Amino acid sequence: MTEFDKEQTRAFLREFKRLAREQGIFVVPREANNQALIDLNINARIRKQTLLALSVTDYFSGPDPDRDAPGFLWTFGVTIGECDVYIKLKIAGEVGRQFSKCVAFHRAREPMFFPFR
C-alpha cells in the first residue's frame, strides 16, 4: 500500500465522520447487523462511537464497487471485547445530498489483514 492509499483512506474517513456527525449514520437493517449488537453486548450509541473512532489503521480493504448501488464500499475492522468486528461503510447519495451508511457491522467470519498496521 502506498502513502496515497493511506491518504485516500484518511479522506474517506474524514468525510464519512463529518456526514455522520451532521446527519447520523444510516445502518442497513440486516439481521447480522442487528444480531451483532446483542452478541457484542453493545447498543446503537456505542456502535456509532465505534464508527466515529475508526482510523486508517483499522482499514481492511477498498474502495470496492458496490454491486447493489452506485458508489464504493470501504471495509474496516476493530476488536470489541474479544471479538473481531467486520465493518463495511459507504458515503451514499448524490453530491450535495450525501450521507454516511454502514452496510455491515458484525462478527468477522474470517481473519482480517490490516495493511496500514
PDB file of N, CA and C in Angstrom:
ATOM      1  N   MET A   1       0.843  -1.174   0.000  1.00  0.00           N
ATOM      2  CA  MET A   1       0.000   0.000   0.000  1.00  0.00           C
ATOM      3  C   MET A   1       0.890   1.240   0.000  1.00  0.00           C
ATOM      4  N   THR A   2       0.450   2.235  -0.680  1.00  0.00           N
ATOM      5  CA  THR A   2       1.241   3.456  -0.797  1.00  0.00           C
ATOM      6  C   THR A   2       0.729   4.525   0.159  1.00  0.00           C
ATOM      7  N   GLU A   3       1.520   5.578   0.273  1.00  0.00           N
ATOM      8  CA  GLU A   3       1.096   6.719   1.087  1.00  0.00           C
ATOM      9  C   GLU A   3      -0.179   7.340   0.508  1.00  0.00           C
ATOM     10  N   PHE A   4      -0.304   7.289  -0.835  1.00  0.00           N
ATOM     11  CA  PHE A   4      -1.523   7.779  -1.480  1.00  0.00           C
ATOM     12  C   PHE A   4      -2.733   6.989  -0.989  1.00  0.00           C
ATOM     13  N   ASP A   5      -2.595   5.669  -0.892  1.00  0.00           N
ATOM     14  CA  ASP A   5      -3.698   4.837  -0.414  1.00  0.00           C
ATOM     15  C   ASP A   5      -4.091   5.212   1.010  1.00  0.00           C
ATOM     16  N   LYS A   6      -3.102   5.485   1.847  1.00  0.00           N
ATOM     17  CA  LYS A   6      -3.391   5.903   3.219  1.00  0.00           C
ATOM     18  C   LYS A   6      -4.147   7.226   3.223  1.00  0.00           C
ATOM     19  N   GLU A   7      -3.691   8.160   2.399  1.00  0.00           N
ATOM     20  CA  GLU A   7      -4.337   9.471   2.366  1.00  0.00           C
ATOM     21  C   GLU A   7      -5.762   9.365   1.829  1.00  0.00           C
ATOM     22  N   GLN A   8      -5.966   8.511   0.855  1.00  0.00           N
ATOM     23  CA  GLN A   8      -7.304   8.280   0.303  1.00  0.00           C
ATOM     24  C   GLN A   8      -8.226   7.723   1.394  1.00  0.00           C
ATOM     25  N   THR A   9      -7.706   6.806   2.191  1.00  0.00           N
ATOM     26  CA  THR A   9      -8.475   6.229   3.296  1.00  0.00           C
ATOM     27  C   THR A   9      -8.776   7.285   4.347  1.00  0.00           C
ATOM     28  N   ARG A  10      -7.773   8.108   4.684  1.00  0.00           N
ATOM     29  CA  ARG A  10      -7.974   9.199   5.643  1.00  0.00           C
ATOM     30  C   ARG A  10      -9.063  10.148   5.160  1.00  0.00           C
ATOM     31  N   ALA A  11      -9.018  10.488   3.874  1.00  0.00           N
ATOM     32  CA  ALA A  11     -10.010  11.410   3.301  1.00  0.00           C
ATOM     33  C   ALA A  11     -11.409  10.801   3.370  1.00  0.00           C
ATOM     34  N   PHE A  12     -11.524   9.505   3.066  1.00  0.00           N
ATOM     35  CA  PHE A  12     -12.828   8.847   3.162  1.00  0.00           C
ATOM     36  C   PHE A  12     -13.352   8.920   4.596  1.00  0.00           C
ATOM     37  N   LEU A  13     -12.520   8.551   5.564  1.00  0.00           N
ATOM     38  CA  LEU A  13     -12.962   8.558   6.961  1.00  0.00           C
ATOM     39  C   LEU A  13     -13.334   9.961   7.427  1.00  0.00           C
ATOM     40  N   ARG A  14     -12.559  10.940   7.029  1.00  0.00           N
ATOM     41  CA  ARG A  14     -12.856  12.325   7.413  1.00  0.00           C
ATOM     42  C   ARG A  14     -14.245  12.732   6.913  1.00  0.00           C
ATOM     43  N   GLU A  15     -14.538  12.443   5.642  1.00  0.00           N
ATOM     44  CA  GLU A  15     -15.838  12.811   5.069  1.00  0.00           C
ATOM     45  C   GLU A  15     -16.970  11.970   5.675  1.00  0.00           C
ATOM     46  N   PHE A  16     -16.740  10.677   5.851  1.00  0.00           N
ATOM     47  CA  PHE A  16     -17.747   9.801   6.466  1.00  0.00           C
ATOM     48  C   PHE A  16     -18.117  10.332   7.852  1.00  0.00           C
ATOM     49  N   LYS A  17     -17.116  10.665   8.644  1.00  0.00           N
ATOM     50  CA  LYS A  17     -17.359  11.147  10.009  1.00  0.00           C
ATOM     51  C   LYS A  17     -18.040  12.508  10.017  1.00  0.00           C
ATOM     52  N   ARG A  18     -17.654  13.385   9.109  1.00  0.00           N
ATOM     53  CA  ARG A  18     -18.300  14.700   9.028  1.00  0.00           C
ATOM     54  C   ARG A  18     -19.791  14.539   8.762  1.00  0.00           C
ATOM     55  N   LEU A  19     -20.120  13.725   7.768  1.00  0.00           N
ATOM     56  CA  LEU A  19     -21.527  13.485   7.440  1.00  0.00           C
ATOM     57  C   LEU A  19     -22.246  12.804   8.603  1.00  0.00           C
ATOM     58  N   ALA A  20     -21.572  11.871   9.264  1.00  0.00           N
ATOM     59  CA  ALA A  20     -22.175  11.154  10.390  1.00  0.00           C
ATOM     60  C   ALA A  20     -22.503  12.100  11.538  1.00  0.00           C
ATOM     61  N   ARG A  21     -21.609  13.025  11.814  1.00  0.00           N
ATOM     62  CA  ARG A  21     -21.854  13.980  12.901  1.00  0.00           C
ATOM     63  C   ARG A  21     -22.999  14.927  12.558  1.00  0.00           C
ATOM     64  N   GLU A  22     -23.079  15.308  11.295  1.00  0.00           N
ATOM     65  CA  GLU A  22     -24.118  16.244  10.871  1.00  0.00           C
ATOM     66  C   GLU A  22     -25.485  15.579  10.742  1.00  0.00           C
ATOM     67  N   GLN A  23     -25.525  14.351  10.244  1.00  0.00           N
ATOM     68  CA  GLN A  23     -26.797  13.727   9.876  1.00  0.00           C
ATOM     69  C   GLN A  23     -27.054  12.372  10.520  1.00  0.00           C
ATOM     70  N   GLY A  24     -26.096  11.845  11.244  1.00  0.00           N
ATOM     71  CA  GLY A  24     -26.231  10.498  11.776  1.00  0.00           C
ATOM     72  C   GLY A  24     -25.730   9.482  10.763  1.00  0.00           C
ATOM     73  N   ILE A  25     -25.873   8.221  11.105  1.00  0.00           N
ATOM     74  CA  ILE A  25     -25.409   7.133  10.248  1.00  0.00           C
ATOM     75  C   ILE A  25     -26.586   6.218   9.967  1.00  0.00           C
ATOM     76  N   PHE A  26     -26.845   5.993   8.690  1.00  0.00           N
ATOM     77  CA  PHE A  26     -27.868   5.026   8.313  1.00  0.00           C
ATOM     78  C   PHE A  26     -27.234   3.644   8.357  1.00  0.00           C
ATOM     79  N   VAL A  27     -27.760   2.762   9.209  1.00  0.00           N
ATOM     80  CA  VAL A  27     -27.268   1.393   9.301  1.00  0.00           C
ATOM     81  C   VAL A  27     -28.268   0.503   8.582  1.00  0.00           C
ATOM     82  N   VAL A  28     -27.786  -0.252   7.601  1.00  0.00           N
ATOM     83  CA  VAL A  28     -28.657  -1.148   6.854  1.00  0.00           C
ATOM     84  C   VAL A  28     -29.236  -2.160   7.850  1.00  0.00           C
ATOM     85  N   PRO A  29     -30.576  -2.285   7.886  1.00  0.00           N
ATOM     86  CA  PRO A  29     -31.218  -3.142   8.892  1.00  0.00           C
ATOM     87  C   PRO A  29     -31.155  -4.635   8.539  1.00  0.00           C
ATOM     88  N   ARG A  30     -29.947  -5.154   8.476  1.00  0.00           N
ATOM     89  CA  ARG A  30     -29.764  -6.591   8.216  1.00  0.00           C
ATOM     90  C   ARG A  30     -29.737  -7.343   9.535  1.00  0.00           C
ATOM     91  N   GLU A  31     -30.157  -8.588   9.488  1.00  0.00           N
ATOM     92  CA  GLU A  31     -30.184  -9.421  10.688  1.00  0.00           C
ATOM     93  C   GLU A  31     -28.799  -9.491  11.343  1.00  0.00           C
ATOM     94  N   ALA A  32     -27.743  -9.662  10.539  1.00  0.00           N
ATOM     95  CA  ALA A  32     -26.388  -9.768  11.101  1.00  0.00           C
ATOM     96  C   ALA A  32     -25.995  -8.488  11.826  1.00  0.00           C
ATOM     97  N   ASN A  33     -26.380  -7.331  11.297  1.00  0.00           N
ATOM     98  CA  ASN A  33     -26.062  -6.057  11.947  1.00  0.00           C
ATOM     99  C   ASN A  33     -26.814  -5.907  13.256  1.00  0.00           C
ATOM    100  N   ASN A  34     -28.073  -6.296  13.277  1.00  0.00           N
ATOM    101  CA  ASN A  34     -28.871  -6.225  14.500  1.00  0.00           C
ATOM    102  C   ASN A  34     -28.387  -7.234  15.538  1.00  0.00           C
ATOM    103  N   GLN A  35     -28.071  -8.450  15.094  1.00  0.00           N
ATOM    104  CA  GLN A  35     -27.612  -9.501  15.993  1.00  0.00           C
ATOM    105  C   GLN A  35     -26.271  -9.138  16.624  1.00  0.00           C
ATOM    106  N   ALA A  36     -25.448  -8.395  15.893  1.00  0.00           N
ATOM    107  CA  ALA A  36     -24.135  -8.008  16.425  1.00  0.00           C
ATOM    108  C   ALA A  36     -24.262  -7.195  17.705  1.00  0.00           C
ATOM    109  N   LEU A  37     -25.259  -6.327  17.775  1.00  0.00           N
ATOM    110  CA  LEU A  37     -25.447  -5.534  18.992  1.00  0.00           C
ATOM    111  C   LEU A  37     -25.702  -6.447  20.186  1.00  0.00           C
ATOM    112  N   ILE A  38     -26.496  -7.477  19.959  1.00  0.00           N
ATOM    113  CA  ILE A  38     -26.794  -8.439  21.033  1.00  0.00           C
ATOM    114  C   ILE A  38     -25.550  -9.246  21.373  1.00  0.00           C
ATOM    115  N   ASP A  39     -24.894  -9.801  20.342  1.00  0.00           N
ATOM    116  CA  ASP A  39     -23.716 -10.645  20.552  1.00  0.00           C
ATOM    117  C   ASP A  39     -22.583  -9.904  21.248  1.00  0.00           C
ATOM    118  N   LEU A  40     -22.411  -8.637  20.908  1.00  0.00           N
ATOM    119  CA  LEU A  40     -21.314  -7.846  21.454  1.00  0.00           C
ATOM    120  C   LEU A  40     -21.695  -7.112  22.730  1.00  0.00           C
ATOM    121  N   ASN A  41     -22.968  -7.217  23.108  1.00  0.00           N
ATOM    122  CA  ASN A  41     -23.487  -6.550  24.300  1.00  0.00           C
ATOM    123  C   ASN A  41     -23.235  -5.041  24.242  1.00  0.00           C
ATOM    124  N   ILE A  42     -23.571  -4.457  23.084  1.00  0.00           N
ATOM    125  CA  ILE A  42     -23.443  -3.016  22.908  1.00  0.00           C
ATOM    126  C   ILE A  42     -24.781  -2.473  22.393  1.00  0.00           C
ATOM    127  N   ASN A  43     -24.898  -1.156  22.390  1.00  0.00           N
ATOM    128  CA  ASN A  43     -26.109  -0.536  21.865  1.00  0.00           C
ATOM    129  C   ASN A  43     -25.758   0.313  20.632  1.00  0.00           C
ATOM    130  N   ALA A  44     -26.761   0.908  20.038  1.00  0.00           N
ATOM    131  CA  ALA A  44     -26.551   1.705  18.824  1.00  0.00           C
ATOM    132  C   ALA A  44     -25.623   2.894  19.081  1.00  0.00           C
ATOM    133  N   ARG A  45     -25.686   3.471  20.269  1.00  0.00           N
ATOM    134  CA  ARG A  45     -24.812   4.602  20.598  1.00  0.00           C
ATOM    135  C   ARG A  45     -23.347   4.174  20.604  1.00  0.00           C
ATOM    136  N   ILE A  46     -23.060   3.016  21.184  1.00  0.00           N
ATOM    137  CA  ILE A  46     -21.681   2.518  21.212  1.00  0.00           C
ATOM    138  C   ILE A  46     -21.233   2.139  19.801  1.00  0.00           C
ATOM    139  N   ARG A  47     -22.138   1.588  19.009  1.00  0.00           N
ATOM    140  CA  ARG A  47     -21.794   1.280  17.614  1.00  0.00           C
ATOM    141  C   ARG A  47     -21.396   2.563  16.888  1.00  0.00           C
ATOM    142  N   LYS A  48     -22.170   3.633  17.084  1.00  0.00           N
ATOM    143  CA  LYS A  48     -21.850   4.901  16.438  1.00  0.00           C
ATOM    144  C   LYS A  48     -20.511   5.425  16.923  1.00  0.00           C
ATOM    145  N   GLN A  49     -20.254   5.358  18.219  1.00  0.00           N
ATOM    146  CA  GLN A  49     -18.968   5.794  18.763  1.00  0.00           C
ATOM    147  C   GLN A  49     -17.817   4.996  18.148  1.00  0.00           C
ATOM    148  N   THR A  50     -18.034   3.702  17.970  1.00  0.00           N
ATOM    149  CA  THR A  50     -17.024   2.837  17.362  1.00  0.00           C
ATOM    150  C   THR A  50     -16.740   3.278  15.936  1.00  0.00           C
ATOM    151  N   LEU A  51     -17.786   3.573  15.185  1.00  0.00           N
ATOM    152  CA  LEU A  51     -17.616   4.012  13.799  1.00  0.00           C
ATOM    153  C   LEU A  51     -16.897   5.356  13.734  1.00  0.00           C
ATOM    154  N   LEU A  52     -17.229   6.268  14.639  1.00  0.00           N
ATOM    155  CA  LEU A  52     -16.586   7.581  14.649  1.00  0.00           C
ATOM    156  C   LEU A  52     -15.142   7.530  15.125  1.00  0.00           C
ATOM    157  N   ALA A  53     -14.764   6.449  15.782  1.00  0.00           N
ATOM    158  CA  ALA A  53     -13.397   6.296  16.274  1.00  0.00           C
ATOM    159  C   ALA A  53     -12.489   5.553  15.290  1.00  0.00           C
ATOM    160  N   LEU A  54     -13.025   5.087  14.172  1.00  0.00           N
ATOM    161  CA  LEU A  54     -12.202   4.356  13.204  1.00  0.00           C
ATOM    162  C   LEU A  54     -11.043   5.218  12.723  1.00  0.00           C
ATOM    163  N   SER A  55      -9.926   4.551  12.468  1.00  0.00           N
ATOM    164  CA  SER A  55      -8.755   5.248  11.946  1.00  0.00           C
ATOM    165  C   SER A  55      -8.195   4.482  10.750  1.00  0.00           C
ATOM    166  N   VAL A  56      -7.210   5.062  10.134  1.00  0.00           N
ATOM    167  CA  VAL A  56      -6.577   4.442   8.971  1.00  0.00           C
ATOM    168  C   VAL A  56      -6.034   3.054   9.327  1.00  0.00           C
ATOM    169  N   THR A  57      -5.571   2.870  10.544  1.00  0.00           N
ATOM    170  CA  THR A  57      -5.015   1.569  10.927  1.00  0.00           C
ATOM    171  C   THR A  57      -6.089   0.478  11.015  1.00  0.00           C
ATOM    172  N   ASP A  58      -7.353   0.862  11.050  1.00  0.00           N
ATOM    173  CA  ASP A  58      -8.452  -0.109  11.071  1.00  0.00           C
ATOM    174  C   ASP A  58      -8.878  -0.525   9.665  1.00  0.00           C
ATOM    175  N   TYR A  59      -8.276   0.082   8.652  1.00  0.00           N
ATOM    176  CA  TYR A  59      -8.608  -0.210   7.249  1.00  0.00           C
ATOM    177  C   TYR A  59      -8.275  -1.662   6.913  1.00  0.00           C
ATOM    178  N   PHE A  60      -9.202  -2.302   6.204  1.00  0.00           N
ATOM    179  CA  PHE A  60      -9.037  -3.691   5.773  1.00  0.00           C
ATOM    180  C   PHE A  60      -8.959  -3.776   4.247  1.00  0.00           C
ATOM    181  N   SER A  61      -9.935  -3.175   3.537  1.00  0.00           N
ATOM    182  CA  SER A  61      -9.899  -3.209   2.069  1.00  0.00           C
ATOM    183  C   SER A  61     -10.814  -2.140   1.475  1.00  0.00           C
ATOM    184  N   GLY A  62     -10.648  -1.929   0.178  1.00  0.00           N
ATOM    185  CA  GLY A  62     -11.475  -0.987  -0.554  1.00  0.00           C
ATOM    186  C   GLY A  62     -10.642   0.167  -1.072  1.00  0.00           C
ATOM    187  N   PRO A  63     -11.249   1.049  -1.789  1.00  0.00           N
ATOM    188  CA  PRO A  63     -12.681   1.063  -2.120  1.00  0.00           C
ATOM    189  C   PRO A  63     -13.007   0.028  -3.190  1.00  0.00           C
ATOM    190  N   ASP A  64     -14.112  -0.663  -2.983  1.00  0.00           N
ATOM    191  CA  ASP A  64     -14.602  -1.678  -3.917  1.00  0.00           C
ATOM    192  C   ASP A  64     -15.958  -1.230  -4.444  1.00  0.00           C
ATOM    193  N   PRO A  65     -16.216  -1.438  -5.731  1.00  0.00           N
ATOM    194  CA  PRO A  65     -17.522  -1.050  -6.271  1.00  0.00           C
ATOM    195  C   PRO A  65     -18.657  -1.742  -5.516  1.00  0.00           C
ATOM    196  N   ASP A  66     -19.700  -1.001  -5.232  1.00  0.00           N
ATOM    197  CA  ASP A  66     -20.903  -1.548  -4.594  1.00  0.00           C
ATOM    198  C   ASP A  66     -21.714  -2.240  -5.678  1.00  0.00           C
ATOM    199  N   ARG A  67     -21.950  -3.516  -5.510  1.00  0.00           N
ATOM    200  CA  ARG A  67     -22.672  -4.274  -6.547  1.00  0.00           C
ATOM    201  C   ARG A  67     -24.176  -3.996  -6.533  1.00  0.00           C
ATOM    202  N   ASP A  68     -24.666  -3.379  -5.441  1.00  0.00           N
ATOM    203  CA  ASP A  68     -26.103  -3.138  -5.305  1.00  0.00           C
ATOM    204  C   ASP A  68     -26.542  -1.713  -5.638  1.00  0.00           C
ATOM    205  N   ALA A  69     -25.598  -0.776  -5.640  1.00  0.00           N
ATOM    206  CA  ALA A  69     -25.944   0.633  -5.872  1.00  0.00           C
ATOM    207  C   ALA A  69     -24.687   1.376  -6.321  1.00  0.00           C
ATOM    208  N   PRO A  70     -24.859   2.539  -6.933  1.00  0.00           N
ATOM    209  CA  PRO A  70     -23.674   3.311  -7.329  1.00  0.00           C
ATOM    210  C   PRO A  70     -22.814   3.645  -6.113  1.00  0.00           C
ATOM    211  N   GLY A  71     -21.521   3.730  -6.316  1.00  0.00           N
ATOM    212  CA  GLY A  71     -20.616   4.113  -5.247  1.00  0.00           C
ATOM    213  C   GLY A  71     -19.651   3.006  -4.875  1.00  0.00           C
ATOM    214  N   PHE A  72     -18.911   3.260  -3.802  1.00  0.00           N
ATOM    215  CA  PHE A  72     -17.849   2.361  -3.369  1.00  0.00           C
ATOM    216  C   PHE A  72     -17.985   2.016  -1.900  1.00  0.00           C
ATOM    217  N   LEU A  73     -17.534   0.820  -1.547  1.00  0.00           N
ATOM    218  CA  LEU A  73     -17.561   0.322  -0.177  1.00  0.00           C
ATOM    219  C   LEU A  73     -16.145   0.239   0.370  1.00  0.00           C
ATOM    220  N   TRP A  74     -16.001   0.610   1.608  1.00  0.00           N
ATOM    221  CA  TRP A  74     -14.728   0.547   2.312  1.00  0.00           C
ATOM    222  C   TRP A  74     -14.905  -0.388   3.501  1.00  0.00           C
ATOM    223  N   THR A  75     -13.937  -1.263   3.735  1.00  0.00           N
ATOM    224  CA  THR A  75     -14.042  -2.247   4.805  1.00  0.00           C
ATOM    225  C   THR A  75     -12.992  -1.975   5.880  1.00  0.00           C
ATOM    226  N   PHE A  76     -13.435  -2.029   7.118  1.00  0.00           N
ATOM    227  CA  PHE A  76     -12.592  -1.803   8.283  1.00  0.00           C
ATOM    228  C   PHE A  76     -12.833  -2.925   9.281  1.00  0.00           C
ATOM    229  N   GLY A  77     -12.018  -2.982  10.305  1.00  0.00           N
ATOM    230  CA  GLY A  77     -12.205  -3.966  11.358  1.00  0.00           C
ATOM    231  C   GLY A  77     -11.710  -3.436  12.683  1.00  0.00           C
ATOM    232  N   VAL A  78     -12.386  -3.838  13.738  1.00  0.00           N
ATOM    233  CA  VAL A  78     -11.997  -3.472  15.098  1.00  0.00           C
ATOM    234  C   VAL A  78     -12.220  -4.681  15.992  1.00  0.00           C
ATOM    235  N   THR A  79     -11.685  -4.598  17.179  1.00  0.00           N
ATOM    236  CA  THR A  79     -11.928  -5.629  18.180  1.00  0.00           C
ATOM    237  C   THR A  79     -12.770  -5.014  19.279  1.00  0.00           C
ATOM    238  N   ILE A  80     -13.872  -5.663  19.588  1.00  0.00           N
ATOM    239  CA  ILE A  80     -14.737  -5.250  20.690  1.00  0.00           C
ATOM    240  C   ILE A  80     -14.765  -6.422  21.657  1.00  0.00           C
ATOM    241  N   GLY A  81     -14.283  -6.183  22.862  1.00  0.00           N
ATOM    242  CA  GLY A  81     -14.111  -7.301  23.791  1.00  0.00           C
ATOM    243  C   GLY A  81     -13.059  -8.226  23.205  1.00  0.00           C
ATOM    244  N   GLU A  82     -13.437  -9.454  22.962  1.00  0.00           N
ATOM    245  CA  GLU A  82     -12.523 -10.416  22.341  1.00  0.00           C
ATOM    246  C   GLU A  82     -12.971 -10.782  20.941  1.00  0.00           C
ATOM    247  N   CYS A  83     -13.888 -10.000  20.387  1.00  0.00           N
ATOM    248  CA  CYS A  83     -14.484 -10.321  19.095  1.00  0.00           C
ATOM    249  C   CYS A  83     -13.993  -9.360  18.009  1.00  0.00           C
ATOM    250  N   ASP A  84     -13.536  -9.934  16.895  1.00  0.00           N
ATOM    251  CA  ASP A  84     -13.191  -9.112  15.738  1.00  0.00           C
ATOM    252  C   ASP A  84     -14.474  -8.753  14.997  1.00  0.00           C
ATOM    253  N   VAL A  85     -14.614  -7.472  14.699  1.00  0.00           N
ATOM    254  CA  VAL A  85     -15.828  -6.964  14.072  1.00  0.00           C
ATOM    255  C   VAL A  85     -15.498  -6.454  12.669  1.00  0.00           C
ATOM    256  N   TYR A  86     -16.278  -6.914  11.718  1.00  0.00           N
ATOM    257  CA  TYR A  86     -16.162  -6.557  10.298  1.00  0.00           C
ATOM    258  C   TYR A  86     -17.104  -5.398  10.034  1.00  0.00           C
ATOM    259  N   ILE A  87     -16.571  -4.314   9.466  1.00  0.00           N
ATOM    260  CA  ILE A  87     -17.348  -3.092   9.251  1.00  0.00           C
ATOM    261  C   ILE A  87     -17.210  -2.665   7.796  1.00  0.00           C
ATOM    262  N   LYS A  88     -18.347  -2.483   7.136  1.00  0.00           N
ATOM    263  CA  LYS A  88     -18.331  -2.029   5.743  1.00  0.00           C
ATOM    264  C   LYS A  88     -19.107  -0.725   5.668  1.00  0.00           C
ATOM    265  N   LEU A  89     -18.441   0.321   5.136  1.00  0.00           N
ATOM    266  CA  LEU A  89     -19.002   1.660   5.116  1.00  0.00           C
ATOM    267  C   LEU A  89     -19.067   2.224   3.708  1.00  0.00           C
ATOM    268  N   LYS A  90     -19.907   3.241   3.574  1.00  0.00           N
ATOM    269  CA  LYS A  90     -20.078   3.892   2.283  1.00  0.00           C
ATOM    270  C   LYS A  90     -20.553   5.318   2.507  1.00  0.00           C
ATOM    271  N   ILE A  91     -20.149   6.201   1.604  1.00  0.00           N
ATOM    272  CA  ILE A  91     -20.768   7.515   1.516  1.00  0.00           C
ATOM    273  C   ILE A  91     -21.745   7.395   0.363  1.00  0.00           C
ATOM    274  N   ALA A  92     -23.026   7.462   0.664  1.00  0.00           N
ATOM    275  CA  ALA A  92     -24.078   7.208  -0.315  1.00  0.00           C
ATOM    276  C   ALA A  92     -24.764   8.511  -0.703  1.00  0.00           C
ATOM    277  N   GLY A  93     -25.583   8.435  -1.737  1.00  0.00           N
ATOM    278  CA  GLY A  93     -26.348   9.588  -2.178  1.00  0.00           C
ATOM    279  C   GLY A  93     -25.646  10.351  -3.277  1.00  0.00           C
ATOM    280  N   GLU A  94     -26.256  11.451  -3.645  1.00  0.00           N
ATOM    281  CA  GLU A  94     -25.721  12.304  -4.710  1.00  0.00           C
ATOM    282  C   GLU A  94     -24.902  13.429  -4.111  1.00  0.00           C
ATOM    283  N   VAL A  95     -24.017  13.984  -4.902  1.00  0.00           N
ATOM    284  CA  VAL A  95     -23.218  15.113  -4.441  1.00  0.00           C
ATOM    285  C   VAL A  95     -24.158  16.204  -3.929  1.00  0.00           C
ATOM    286  N   GLY A  96     -23.858  16.702  -2.762  1.00  0.00           N
ATOM    287  CA  GLY A  96     -24.708  17.718  -2.139  1.00  0.00           C
ATOM    288  C   GLY A  96     -25.828  17.120  -1.303  1.00  0.00           C
ATOM    289  N   ARG A  97     -26.076  15.833  -1.459  1.00  0.00           N
ATOM    290  CA  ARG A  97     -27.118  15.140  -0.687  1.00  0.00           C
ATOM    291  C   ARG A  97     -26.587  13.799  -0.210  1.00  0.00           C
ATOM    292  N   GLN A  98     -25.338  13.789   0.209  1.00  0.00           N
ATOM    293  CA  GLN A  98     -24.697  12.547   0.631  1.00  0.00           C
ATOM    294  C   GLN A  98     -24.966  12.262   2.102  1.00  0.00           C
ATOM    295  N   PHE A  99     -24.794  10.999   2.467  1.00  0.00           N
ATOM    296  CA  PHE A  99     -24.957  10.594   3.855  1.00  0.00           C
ATOM    297  C   PHE A  99     -24.058   9.400   4.157  1.00  0.00           C
ATOM    298  N   SER A 100     -23.773   9.205   5.437  1.00  0.00           N
ATOM    299  CA  SER A 100     -22.963   8.081   5.894  1.00  0.00           C
ATOM    300  C   SER A 100     -23.831   6.844   6.014  1.00  0.00           C
ATOM    301  N   LYS A 101     -23.309   5.741   5.501  1.00  0.00           N
ATOM    302  CA  LYS A 101     -24.063   4.494   5.501  1.00  0.00           C
ATOM    303  C   LYS A 101     -23.171   3.360   5.998  1.00  0.00           C
ATOM    304  N   CYS A 102     -23.680   2.587   6.948  1.00  0.00           N
ATOM    305  CA  CYS A 102     -22.997   1.393   7.450  1.00  0.00           C
ATOM    306  C   CYS A 102     -23.724   0.186   6.877  1.00  0.00           C
ATOM    307  N   VAL A 103     -23.065  -0.511   5.988  1.00  0.00           N
ATOM    308  CA  VAL A 103     -23.667  -1.667   5.309  1.00  0.00           C
ATOM    309  C   VAL A 103     -23.507  -2.925   6.158  1.00  0.00           C
ATOM    310  N   ALA A 104     -22.375  -3.035   6.852  1.00  0.00           N
ATOM    311  CA  ALA A 104     -22.124  -4.233   7.663  1.00  0.00           C
ATOM    312  C   ALA A 104     -21.442  -3.837   8.967  1.00  0.00           C
ATOM    313  N   PHE A 105     -21.877  -4.451  10.043  1.00  0.00           N
ATOM    314  CA  PHE A 105     -21.266  -4.292  11.363  1.00  0.00           C
ATOM    315  C   PHE A 105     -21.593  -5.570  12.112  1.00  0.00           C
ATOM    316  N   HIS A 106     -20.702  -6.557  12.004  1.00  0.00           N
ATOM    317  CA  HIS A 106     -20.963  -7.873  12.611  1.00  0.00           C
ATOM    318  C   HIS A 106     -19.652  -8.602  12.872  1.00  0.00           C
ATOM    319  N   ARG A 107     -19.758  -9.737  13.535  1.00  0.00           N
ATOM    320  CA  ARG A 107     -18.577 -10.562  13.798  1.00  0.00           C
ATOM    321  C   ARG A 107     -17.880 -10.889  12.483  1.00  0.00           C
ATOM    322  N   ALA A 108     -16.556 -10.824  12.509  1.00  0.00           N
ATOM    323  CA  ALA A 108     -15.788 -11.198  11.324  1.00  0.00           C
ATOM    324  C   ALA A 108     -15.941 -12.711  11.109  1.00  0.00           C
ATOM    325  N   ARG A 109     -16.174 -13.089   9.884  1.00  0.00           N
ATOM    326  CA  ARG A 109     -16.362 -14.506   9.560  1.00  0.00           C
ATOM    327  C   ARG A 109     -15.056 -15.182   9.169  1.00  0.00           C
ATOM    328  N   GLU A 110     -14.033 -14.373   8.926  1.00  0.00           N
ATOM    329  CA  GLU A 110     -12.709 -14.897   8.591  1.00  0.00           C
ATOM    330  C   GLU A 110     -11.670 -13.915   9.097  1.00  0.00           C
ATOM    331  N   PRO A 111     -10.417 -14.332   9.179  1.00  0.00           N
ATOM    332  CA  PRO A 111      -9.376 -13.417   9.659  1.00  0.00           C
ATOM    333  C   PRO A 111      -9.243 -12.196   8.752  1.00  0.00           C
ATOM    334  N   MET A 112      -8.927 -11.070   9.361  1.00  0.00           N
ATOM    335  CA  MET A 112      -8.751  -9.833   8.603  1.00  0.00           C
ATOM    336  C   MET A 112      -7.283  -9.421   8.632  1.00  0.00           C
ATOM    337  N   PHE A 113      -6.835  -8.808   7.558  1.00  0.00           N
ATOM    338  CA  PHE A 113      -5.471  -8.309   7.432  1.00  0.00           C
ATOM    339  C   PHE A 113      -5.543  -6.787   7.327  1.00  0.00           C
ATOM    340  N   PHE A 114      -4.721  -6.109   8.097  1.00  0.00           N
ATOM    341  CA  PHE A 114      -4.751  -4.649   8.139  1.00  0.00           C
ATOM    342  C   PHE A 114      -3.447  -4.094   7.561  1.00  0.00           C
ATOM    343  N   PRO A 115      -3.464  -3.675   6.300  1.00  0.00           N
ATOM    344  CA  PRO A 115      -2.230  -3.276   5.621  1.00  0.00           C
ATOM    345  C   PRO A 115      -1.537  -2.039   6.190  1.00  0.00           C
ATOM    346  N   PHE A 116      -2.243  -1.197   6.951  1.00  0.00           N
ATOM    347  CA  PHE A 116      -1.618   0.015   7.473  1.00  0.00           C
ATOM    348  C   PHE A 116      -1.150  -0.130   8.922  1.00  0.00           C
ATOM    349  N   ARG A 117      -1.169  -1.356   9.420  1.00  0.00           N
ATOM    350  CA  ARG A 117      -0.663  -1.575  10.798  1.00  0.00           C
ATOM    351  C   ARG A 117       0.763  -2.031  10.738  1.00  0.00           C
TER     352      ARG A 117
END
